[in-house]
Amino acid sequence: MRRREERLPPSGAGLMRYFSEEGSGIKVSPKAVVGFSVGSILLVFLLHLMA
């Protein structure tokens, strides 16, 4: 019996299909990234006020 293969649409006009794979890198939540960014901005702002 022939196996049924899933065919992907042809990639054209610069469109590519990316598959998400879990890597073994550091995982950081989006809330932590936003919090760190806002904290860094506030720190720089306060340092400018002190100078």
N, C-alpha and C. Protein backbone atom coordinates (compact mmCIF):
# COMPACT_ATOMS: atom_id res chain seq x y z
N MET A 1 0.83 -1.16 0.00
CA MET A 1 0.00 0.00 0.00
C MET A 1 0.90 1.25 0.00
N ARG A 2 0.57 2.20 -0.81
CA ARG A 2 1.37 3.40 -0.94
C ARG A 2 1.07 4.36 0.21
N ARG A 3 2.14 4.90 0.80
CA ARG A 3 1.95 5.84 1.90
C ARG A 3 1.48 7.18 1.37
N ARG A 4 0.58 7.76 2.08
CA ARG A 4 0.04 9.05 1.69
C ARG A 4 0.96 10.16 2.23
N GLU A 5 1.54 10.94 1.34
CA GLU A 5 2.46 11.99 1.74
C GLU A 5 1.76 13.34 1.68
N GLU A 6 2.05 14.15 2.67
CA GLU A 6 1.48 15.49 2.71
C GLU A 6 2.35 16.39 1.85
N ARG A 7 1.75 17.01 0.87
CA ARG A 7 2.50 17.87 -0.03
C ARG A 7 2.38 19.31 0.43
N LEU A 8 3.50 20.01 0.41
CA LEU A 8 3.51 21.41 0.77
C LEU A 8 3.27 22.25 -0.48
N PRO A 9 2.64 23.41 -0.32
CA PRO A 9 2.45 24.26 -1.49
C PRO A 9 3.80 24.78 -1.98
N PRO A 10 3.92 25.00 -3.26
CA PRO A 10 5.20 25.49 -3.78
C PRO A 10 5.49 26.88 -3.23
N SER A 11 6.74 27.09 -2.87
CA SER A 11 7.10 28.41 -2.36
C SER A 11 7.44 29.30 -3.53
N GLY A 12 6.69 30.36 -3.65
CA GLY A 12 6.91 31.28 -4.75
C GLY A 12 6.78 32.71 -4.27
N ALA A 13 7.28 33.61 -5.02
CA ALA A 13 7.21 35.04 -4.74
C ALA A 13 7.87 35.38 -3.41
N GLY A 14 8.92 34.67 -3.06
CA GLY A 14 9.66 34.97 -1.84
C GLY A 14 9.02 34.44 -0.57
N LEU A 15 7.95 33.68 -0.68
CA LEU A 15 7.30 33.14 0.52
C LEU A 15 7.98 31.85 0.93
N MET A 16 8.27 31.75 2.22
CA MET A 16 8.90 30.54 2.72
C MET A 16 8.09 30.03 3.90
N ARG A 17 8.20 28.76 4.13
CA ARG A 17 7.46 28.15 5.24
C ARG A 17 8.47 27.72 6.30
N TYR A 18 8.28 28.25 7.50
CA TYR A 18 9.17 27.93 8.61
C TYR A 18 8.43 27.04 9.60
N PHE A 19 9.10 26.04 10.07
CA PHE A 19 8.52 25.14 11.06
C PHE A 19 9.10 25.51 12.42
N SER A 20 8.23 25.68 13.40
CA SER A 20 8.72 26.04 14.73
C SER A 20 9.21 24.78 15.43
N GLU A 21 10.42 24.87 15.94
CA GLU A 21 11.01 23.76 16.66
C GLU A 21 11.47 24.26 18.01
N GLU A 22 11.24 23.47 19.02
CA GLU A 22 11.70 23.83 20.35
C GLU A 22 13.20 23.58 20.42
N GLY A 23 13.93 24.62 20.68
CA GLY A 23 15.37 24.49 20.83
C GLY A 23 15.74 24.33 22.29
N SER A 24 17.01 24.15 22.54
CA SER A 24 17.46 23.98 23.92
C SER A 24 18.04 25.28 24.45
N GLY A 25 17.53 26.40 24.00
CA GLY A 25 18.03 27.69 24.45
C GLY A 25 17.31 28.18 25.69
N ILE A 26 17.65 29.40 26.08
CA ILE A 26 17.04 30.01 27.25
C ILE A 26 15.62 30.43 26.89
N LYS A 27 14.69 30.11 27.76
CA LYS A 27 13.30 30.47 27.52
C LYS A 27 12.91 31.60 28.47
N VAL A 28 12.51 32.74 27.91
CA VAL A 28 12.13 33.90 28.70
C VAL A 28 10.72 34.29 28.29
N SER A 29 9.88 34.56 29.27
CA SER A 29 8.50 34.92 28.98
C SER A 29 8.45 36.34 28.41
N PRO A 30 7.46 36.64 27.58
CA PRO A 30 7.33 37.99 27.03
C PRO A 30 7.16 39.05 28.11
N LYS A 31 6.47 38.71 29.21
CA LYS A 31 6.30 39.67 30.30
C LYS A 31 7.64 40.04 30.93
N ALA A 32 8.53 39.07 31.05
CA ALA A 32 9.85 39.35 31.62
C ALA A 32 10.66 40.26 30.71
N VAL A 33 10.54 40.08 29.41
CA VAL A 33 11.27 40.93 28.46
C VAL A 33 10.76 42.36 28.53
N VAL A 34 9.43 42.53 28.58
CA VAL A 34 8.85 43.87 28.68
C VAL A 34 9.25 44.52 30.01
N GLY A 35 9.20 43.76 31.08
CA GLY A 35 9.57 44.28 32.39
C GLY A 35 11.03 44.72 32.44
N PHE A 36 11.91 43.91 31.88
CA PHE A 36 13.33 44.27 31.84
C PHE A 36 13.55 45.52 31.00
N SER A 37 12.84 45.63 29.89
CA SER A 37 12.99 46.80 29.02
C SER A 37 12.52 48.07 29.72
N VAL A 38 11.35 48.00 30.35
CA VAL A 38 10.82 49.18 31.05
C VAL A 38 11.74 49.54 32.22
N GLY A 39 12.22 48.55 32.94
CA GLY A 39 13.14 48.81 34.04
C GLY A 39 14.43 49.46 33.57
N SER A 40 14.95 49.01 32.45
CA SER A 40 16.17 49.61 31.90
C SER A 40 15.93 51.06 31.47
N ILE A 41 14.79 51.33 30.87
CA ILE A 41 14.46 52.69 30.46
C ILE A 41 14.34 53.60 31.67
N LEU A 42 13.67 53.13 32.72
CA LEU A 42 13.54 53.93 33.94
C LEU A 42 14.88 54.18 34.59
N LEU A 43 15.75 53.18 34.61
CA LEU A 43 17.07 53.34 35.19
C LEU A 43 17.87 54.41 34.45
N VAL A 44 17.86 54.36 33.14
CA VAL A 44 18.59 55.36 32.35
C VAL A 44 17.99 56.74 32.57
N PHE A 45 16.67 56.83 32.62
CA PHE A 45 15.99 58.12 32.85
C PHE A 45 16.39 58.70 34.21
N LEU A 46 16.39 57.86 35.25
CA LEU A 46 16.78 58.33 36.58
C LEU A 46 18.25 58.75 36.63
N LEU A 47 19.11 58.03 35.93
CA LEU A 47 20.53 58.40 35.89
C LEU A 47 20.73 59.75 35.19
N HIS A 48 19.93 60.03 34.18
CA HIS A 48 20.01 61.32 33.50
C HIS A 48 19.54 62.45 34.42
N LEU A 49 18.55 62.18 35.26
CA LEU A 49 18.06 63.19 36.19
C LEU A 49 19.11 63.51 37.26
N MET A 50 19.88 62.51 37.69
CA MET A 50 20.88 62.71 38.72
C MET A 50 22.11 63.45 38.20
N ALA A 51 22.38 63.36 36.93
CA ALA A 51 23.60 63.95 36.37
C ALA A 51 23.45 65.41 36.07
